[in-house]
Amino acid sequence: MATVDVPLKRVRFGHTARKDGWWVMPLVTFVVFSSFIVYVTWALLQGDNYSYGNYLSPLYEPEIFGNSPHAWFGPWRWPWLPFIKYSPAMLILIFPLAFRLTCYYYRGAYYKAFWADPPACAVGEPRDEYRGEAKWPLLIHNIHRYALYFALIFNIFLTIGAVKGFIFNNPKTGHPTFGIGVGSLVILLNAVLLAGYSFGCHSLRHLTGGVMDIFSRSPARKKVYDCVSCFNRHHPKWAWFSLVWVGLTDVYIRLCATGVITDLRIF
């Protein structure tokens, strides 16, 4: 069989023979992801206006220590770890962020947008070798499976928070009563999107089916694997919709808490 040697030439950063808009997706990823990081950092440092009645921002869920009625143990009263007293989110936000930042899908997205490794297929990158995930800072990605465990626990808290979003205090009787506000639906949709994103995780798919050679030996495991695979097929959509919506949910609750808008009661 005849063979032809085709010499490979490393092109300079950003150079390519592609004629399509290869730069659009990396640019959108950079803008959206950077905006999310900036906003979440700002919201984290506020430590106020994160709850409104029975609504609690998902960035502060669960509120273990804090000044709102949602706090499990009330305000932080001890002199050590003062950052917890400054903002309750500092105690818990690291766990869902660790899950998202080490996500397998997001790696491919922000490797292009932030590391430019490479910016896109067949586009020159700014380095001569691939560092991989065996060195810092990319070594941190290896905690993803453990971050998944915490993310699944946080989904339980978010679901409980969504249920509480439908329980209002009746001013006439002073007793809790069922109701529906716009905020109730906003928080519910946030919990659904984050659950879809978590259940579609590649690590969860590996945990449910990766250790099985023959699924017929465990029909129940097969059903769980198929369910996770169903979410996994749309993992990028769950990832981006949940990313945007968790920020919008916090914005909505803050606007209600500061009196900028009024939560509309539907029922």
Protein backbone atom coordinates (compact mmCIF):
# COMPACT_ATOMS: atom_id res chain seq x y z
CA MET A 1 0.00 0.00 0.00
CA ALA A 2 1.37 3.37 -0.99
CA THR A 3 1.91 5.90 1.78
CA VAL A 4 2.34 9.64 1.68
CA ASP A 5 4.15 11.53 4.44
CA VAL A 6 2.45 14.80 5.23
CA PRO A 7 4.68 17.07 7.29
CA LEU A 8 2.92 18.76 10.21
CA LYS A 9 3.65 22.39 10.79
CA ARG A 10 2.74 24.08 14.05
CA VAL A 11 0.81 27.25 13.32
CA ARG A 12 0.99 30.38 15.43
CA PHE A 13 -1.60 31.27 18.04
CA GLY A 14 -4.97 32.04 16.45
CA HIS A 15 -3.87 31.08 12.94
CA THR A 16 -6.05 28.63 11.02
CA ALA A 17 -7.31 27.74 7.58
CA ARG A 18 -10.87 27.55 8.84
CA LYS A 19 -13.35 29.97 7.27
CA ASP A 20 -16.22 29.50 9.73
CA GLY A 21 -16.87 31.48 12.90
CA TRP A 22 -14.83 29.16 15.13
CA TRP A 23 -14.19 31.98 17.60
CA VAL A 24 -17.87 32.62 18.44
CA MET A 25 -18.43 29.78 20.92
CA PRO A 26 -15.18 30.33 22.86
CA LEU A 27 -15.98 34.05 23.07
CA VAL A 28 -19.54 33.43 24.31
CA THR A 29 -18.22 30.93 26.87
CA PHE A 30 -15.62 33.42 28.08
CA VAL A 31 -18.14 36.24 28.45
CA VAL A 32 -20.91 34.20 30.11
CA PHE A 33 -18.66 32.23 32.44
CA SER A 34 -16.64 35.32 33.43
CA SER A 35 -19.84 37.27 34.09
CA PHE A 36 -21.12 34.45 36.27
CA ILE A 37 -17.90 34.32 38.30
CA VAL A 38 -17.90 38.10 38.79
CA TYR A 39 -21.56 38.17 39.85
CA VAL A 40 -21.29 35.19 42.20
CA THR A 41 -18.21 36.74 43.83
CA TRP A 42 -20.11 40.00 44.31
CA ALA A 43 -23.16 38.20 45.72
CA LEU A 44 -20.94 36.16 48.01
CA LEU A 45 -19.39 39.29 49.51
CA GLN A 46 -22.73 41.03 50.14
CA GLY A 47 -23.92 38.88 53.03
CA ASP A 48 -27.31 40.62 52.92
CA ASN A 49 -30.55 40.78 50.91
CA TYR A 50 -30.29 37.09 50.04
CA SER A 51 -33.69 36.12 51.43
CA TYR A 52 -37.22 37.41 51.07
CA GLY A 53 -39.95 35.87 53.18
CA ASN A 54 -39.96 32.17 52.42
CA TYR A 55 -37.49 32.62 49.54
CA LEU A 56 -33.78 31.94 50.02
CA SER A 57 -31.17 32.54 47.34
CA PRO A 58 -29.68 29.27 46.01
CA LEU A 59 -26.23 30.82 46.46
CA TYR A 60 -26.88 30.76 50.23
CA GLU A 61 -28.74 27.44 50.41
CA PRO A 62 -28.55 25.91 52.96
CA GLU A 63 -27.96 28.79 55.39
CA ILE A 64 -26.28 27.07 58.32
CA PHE A 65 -25.31 30.26 60.18
CA GLY A 66 -26.80 33.65 59.37
CA ASN A 67 -29.15 36.44 60.32
CA SER A 68 -32.17 35.46 58.23
CA PRO A 69 -35.07 33.28 59.46
CA HIS A 70 -33.72 30.49 57.23
CA ALA A 71 -30.54 30.01 59.31
CA TRP A 72 -30.33 26.65 61.05
CA PHE A 73 -28.35 27.81 64.10
CA GLY A 74 -28.76 31.57 64.01
CA PRO A 75 -25.87 34.04 63.56
CA TRP A 76 -22.21 33.08 63.97
CA ARG A 77 -21.25 34.16 67.52
CA TRP A 78 -17.63 33.00 67.77
CA PRO A 79 -14.49 35.09 67.11
CA TRP A 80 -12.78 32.54 64.89
CA LEU A 81 -13.58 32.15 61.19
CA PRO A 82 -15.06 35.68 60.95
CA PHE A 83 -15.74 35.28 57.24
CA ILE A 84 -18.71 33.04 58.12
CA LYS A 85 -20.27 35.89 60.09
CA TYR A 86 -19.58 38.27 57.24
CA SER A 87 -21.37 36.11 54.66
CA PRO A 88 -23.13 32.76 55.24
CA ALA A 89 -22.45 31.77 51.63
CA MET A 90 -18.72 31.50 52.34
CA LEU A 91 -19.37 28.33 54.30
CA ILE A 92 -21.22 26.43 51.58
CA LEU A 93 -20.76 28.03 48.15
CA ILE A 94 -17.37 26.39 47.62
CA PHE A 95 -19.00 22.95 47.21
CA PRO A 96 -21.38 23.63 44.28
CA LEU A 97 -18.73 25.83 42.65
CA ALA A 98 -16.16 23.04 42.93
CA PHE A 99 -18.59 20.69 41.20
CA ARG A 100 -19.21 23.11 38.35
CA LEU A 101 -15.61 24.24 37.89
CA THR A 102 -14.32 20.66 37.66
CA CYS A 103 -17.17 19.45 35.43
CA TYR A 104 -16.06 17.32 32.48
CA TYR A 105 -18.16 19.31 30.02
CA TYR A 106 -17.00 22.69 31.30
CA ARG A 107 -13.39 21.59 31.00
CA GLY A 108 -13.78 21.27 27.25
CA ALA A 109 -15.61 24.60 27.16
CA TYR A 110 -13.22 26.73 29.17
CA TYR A 111 -10.06 24.96 27.97
CA LYS A 112 -10.89 26.67 24.68
CA ALA A 113 -12.23 29.94 26.09
CA PHE A 114 -9.70 30.57 28.91
CA TRP A 115 -6.68 28.31 28.38
CA ALA A 116 -6.86 28.44 24.56
CA ASP A 117 -5.72 24.83 24.62
CA PRO A 118 -6.55 25.04 21.73
CA PRO A 119 -9.03 27.89 21.04
CA ALA A 120 -10.80 25.52 18.61
CA CYS A 121 -10.02 22.49 16.46
CA ALA A 122 -7.32 23.19 13.88
CA VAL A 123 -6.52 26.60 15.41
CA GLY A 124 -3.06 27.49 16.67
CA GLU A 125 -2.57 27.59 20.45
CA PRO A 126 -0.16 29.73 22.50
CA ARG A 127 1.95 26.86 23.91
CA ASP A 128 4.21 24.15 22.58
CA GLU A 129 3.10 21.27 24.78
CA TYR A 130 0.02 19.98 26.59
CA ARG A 131 0.31 20.22 30.36
CA GLY A 132 -2.54 17.82 31.02
CA GLU A 133 -4.20 17.32 34.38
CA ALA A 134 -1.16 15.88 36.15
CA LYS A 135 0.16 19.33 37.10
CA TRP A 136 -1.24 22.36 38.89
CA PRO A 137 -3.58 24.11 38.47
CA LEU A 138 -5.37 21.52 36.30
CA LEU A 139 -4.64 18.80 38.87
CA ILE A 140 -7.56 20.16 40.90
CA HIS A 141 -9.95 18.64 38.35
CA ASN A 142 -9.37 15.22 39.88
CA ILE A 143 -11.67 16.13 42.80
CA HIS A 144 -14.71 16.12 40.50
CA ARG A 145 -16.09 12.78 41.69
CA TYR A 146 -15.95 13.93 45.31
CA ALA A 147 -17.49 17.28 44.40
CA LEU A 148 -20.35 15.28 42.83
CA TYR A 149 -21.18 13.69 46.19
CA PHE A 150 -21.58 17.12 47.79
CA ALA A 151 -23.55 18.42 44.78
CA LEU A 152 -26.09 15.60 45.14
CA ILE A 153 -26.53 16.50 48.82
CA PHE A 154 -27.02 20.15 47.93
CA ASN A 155 -29.72 19.16 45.45
CA ILE A 156 -31.70 17.83 48.41
CA PHE A 157 -31.42 21.19 50.18
CA LEU A 158 -32.42 23.04 47.01
CA THR A 159 -35.46 20.80 46.62
CA ILE A 160 -36.48 21.48 50.21
CA GLY A 161 -35.98 25.19 49.56
CA ALA A 162 -38.19 24.95 46.48
CA VAL A 163 -40.94 23.31 48.55
CA LYS A 164 -40.66 26.06 51.18
CA GLY A 165 -41.10 28.57 48.37
CA PHE A 166 -44.75 27.49 48.17
CA ILE A 167 -45.40 27.87 51.91
CA PHE A 168 -46.43 31.40 52.88
CA ASN A 169 -47.38 32.84 56.24
CA ASN A 170 -51.06 33.71 56.43
CA PRO A 171 -51.27 37.17 58.06
CA LYS A 172 -54.87 36.55 59.16
CA THR A 173 -54.27 33.31 61.03
CA GLY A 174 -50.52 33.47 61.56
CA HIS A 175 -50.23 29.91 60.24
CA PRO A 176 -48.37 28.68 57.16
CA THR A 177 -50.47 28.16 54.07
CA PHE A 178 -49.90 26.92 50.54
CA GLY A 179 -49.47 29.56 47.86
CA ILE A 180 -47.80 30.28 44.57
CA GLY A 181 -45.77 33.37 43.82
CA VAL A 182 -43.56 34.20 40.87
CA GLY A 183 -40.62 33.59 43.17
CA SER A 184 -41.97 30.12 43.97
CA LEU A 185 -41.78 29.17 40.30
CA VAL A 186 -38.37 30.82 39.86
CA ILE A 187 -36.90 28.81 42.74
CA LEU A 188 -38.62 25.60 41.60
CA LEU A 189 -37.22 25.91 38.08
CA ASN A 190 -33.77 26.57 39.53
CA ALA A 191 -33.95 23.33 41.55
CA VAL A 192 -35.12 21.37 38.48
CA LEU A 193 -32.33 22.72 36.26
CA LEU A 194 -29.63 22.07 38.85
CA ALA A 195 -30.97 18.55 39.42
CA GLY A 196 -30.91 17.86 35.68
CA TYR A 197 -27.35 19.16 35.51
CA SER A 198 -26.22 17.06 38.50
CA PHE A 199 -27.98 13.85 37.41
CA GLY A 200 -26.42 14.11 33.96
CA CYS A 201 -22.89 14.23 35.37
CA HIS A 202 -20.40 11.97 33.59
CA SER A 203 -19.02 10.78 36.93
CA LEU A 204 -22.49 9.69 38.05
CA ARG A 205 -22.89 7.79 34.78
CA HIS A 206 -19.61 6.00 35.45
CA LEU A 207 -20.61 5.22 39.03
CA THR A 208 -23.98 3.75 38.03
CA GLY A 209 -22.84 1.71 35.05
CA GLY A 210 -19.10 1.85 34.63
CA VAL A 211 -18.42 -1.02 37.02
CA MET A 212 -20.92 -3.38 35.34
CA ASP A 213 -19.83 -5.82 32.64
CA ILE A 214 -23.29 -7.31 32.04
CA PHE A 215 -26.35 -5.19 32.82
CA SER A 216 -28.70 -8.19 32.74
CA ARG A 217 -27.30 -9.22 36.10
CA SER A 218 -28.70 -6.03 37.65
CA PRO A 219 -31.87 -4.73 35.91
CA ALA A 220 -32.29 -2.04 38.57
CA ARG A 221 -28.78 -0.74 37.93
CA LYS A 222 -29.57 -0.72 34.20
CA LYS A 223 -32.63 1.50 34.78
CA VAL A 224 -30.62 3.95 36.86
CA TYR A 225 -27.88 4.00 34.21
CA ASP A 226 -30.42 4.66 31.44
CA CYS A 227 -31.96 7.50 33.47
CA VAL A 228 -28.57 9.12 34.05
CA SER A 229 -27.67 8.62 30.37
CA CYS A 230 -30.88 10.41 29.37
CA PHE A 231 -29.82 13.48 31.35
CA ASN A 232 -26.24 13.11 30.14
CA ARG A 233 -27.23 13.37 26.48
CA HIS A 234 -28.27 16.99 27.10
CA HIS A 235 -25.60 17.77 29.69
CA PRO A 236 -24.35 20.96 27.96
CA LYS A 237 -27.87 22.41 27.90
CA TRP A 238 -28.48 21.56 31.57
CA ALA A 239 -25.08 23.08 32.40
CA TRP A 240 -25.68 26.45 30.74
CA PHE A 241 -29.37 26.85 31.58
CA SER A 242 -28.72 26.03 35.25
CA LEU A 243 -25.71 28.37 35.32
CA VAL A 244 -27.71 31.33 34.03
CA TRP A 245 -30.83 30.56 36.05
CA VAL A 246 -29.08 30.24 39.42
CA GLY A 247 -27.74 33.76 38.90
CA LEU A 248 -31.15 35.10 37.82
CA THR A 249 -32.78 33.47 40.85
CA ASP A 250 -30.41 35.29 43.18
CA VAL A 251 -31.07 38.54 41.29
CA TYR A 252 -34.83 38.09 41.61
CA ILE A 253 -34.69 37.50 45.36
CA ARG A 254 -32.34 40.46 45.87
CA LEU A 255 -34.63 42.77 43.92
CA CYS A 256 -37.58 41.65 46.07
CA ALA A 257 -35.57 42.01 49.30
CA THR A 258 -34.45 45.54 48.43
CA GLY A 259 -37.95 46.62 47.39
CA VAL A 260 -37.07 47.21 43.76
CA ILE A 261 -39.78 44.80 42.63
CA THR A 262 -42.72 43.11 44.35
CA ASP A 263 -43.23 39.37 44.22
CA LEU A 264 -46.51 38.72 42.43
CA ARG A 265 -48.79 36.22 44.18
CA ILE A 266 -50.50 33.96 41.66
CA PHE A 267 -52.42 31.94 44.21
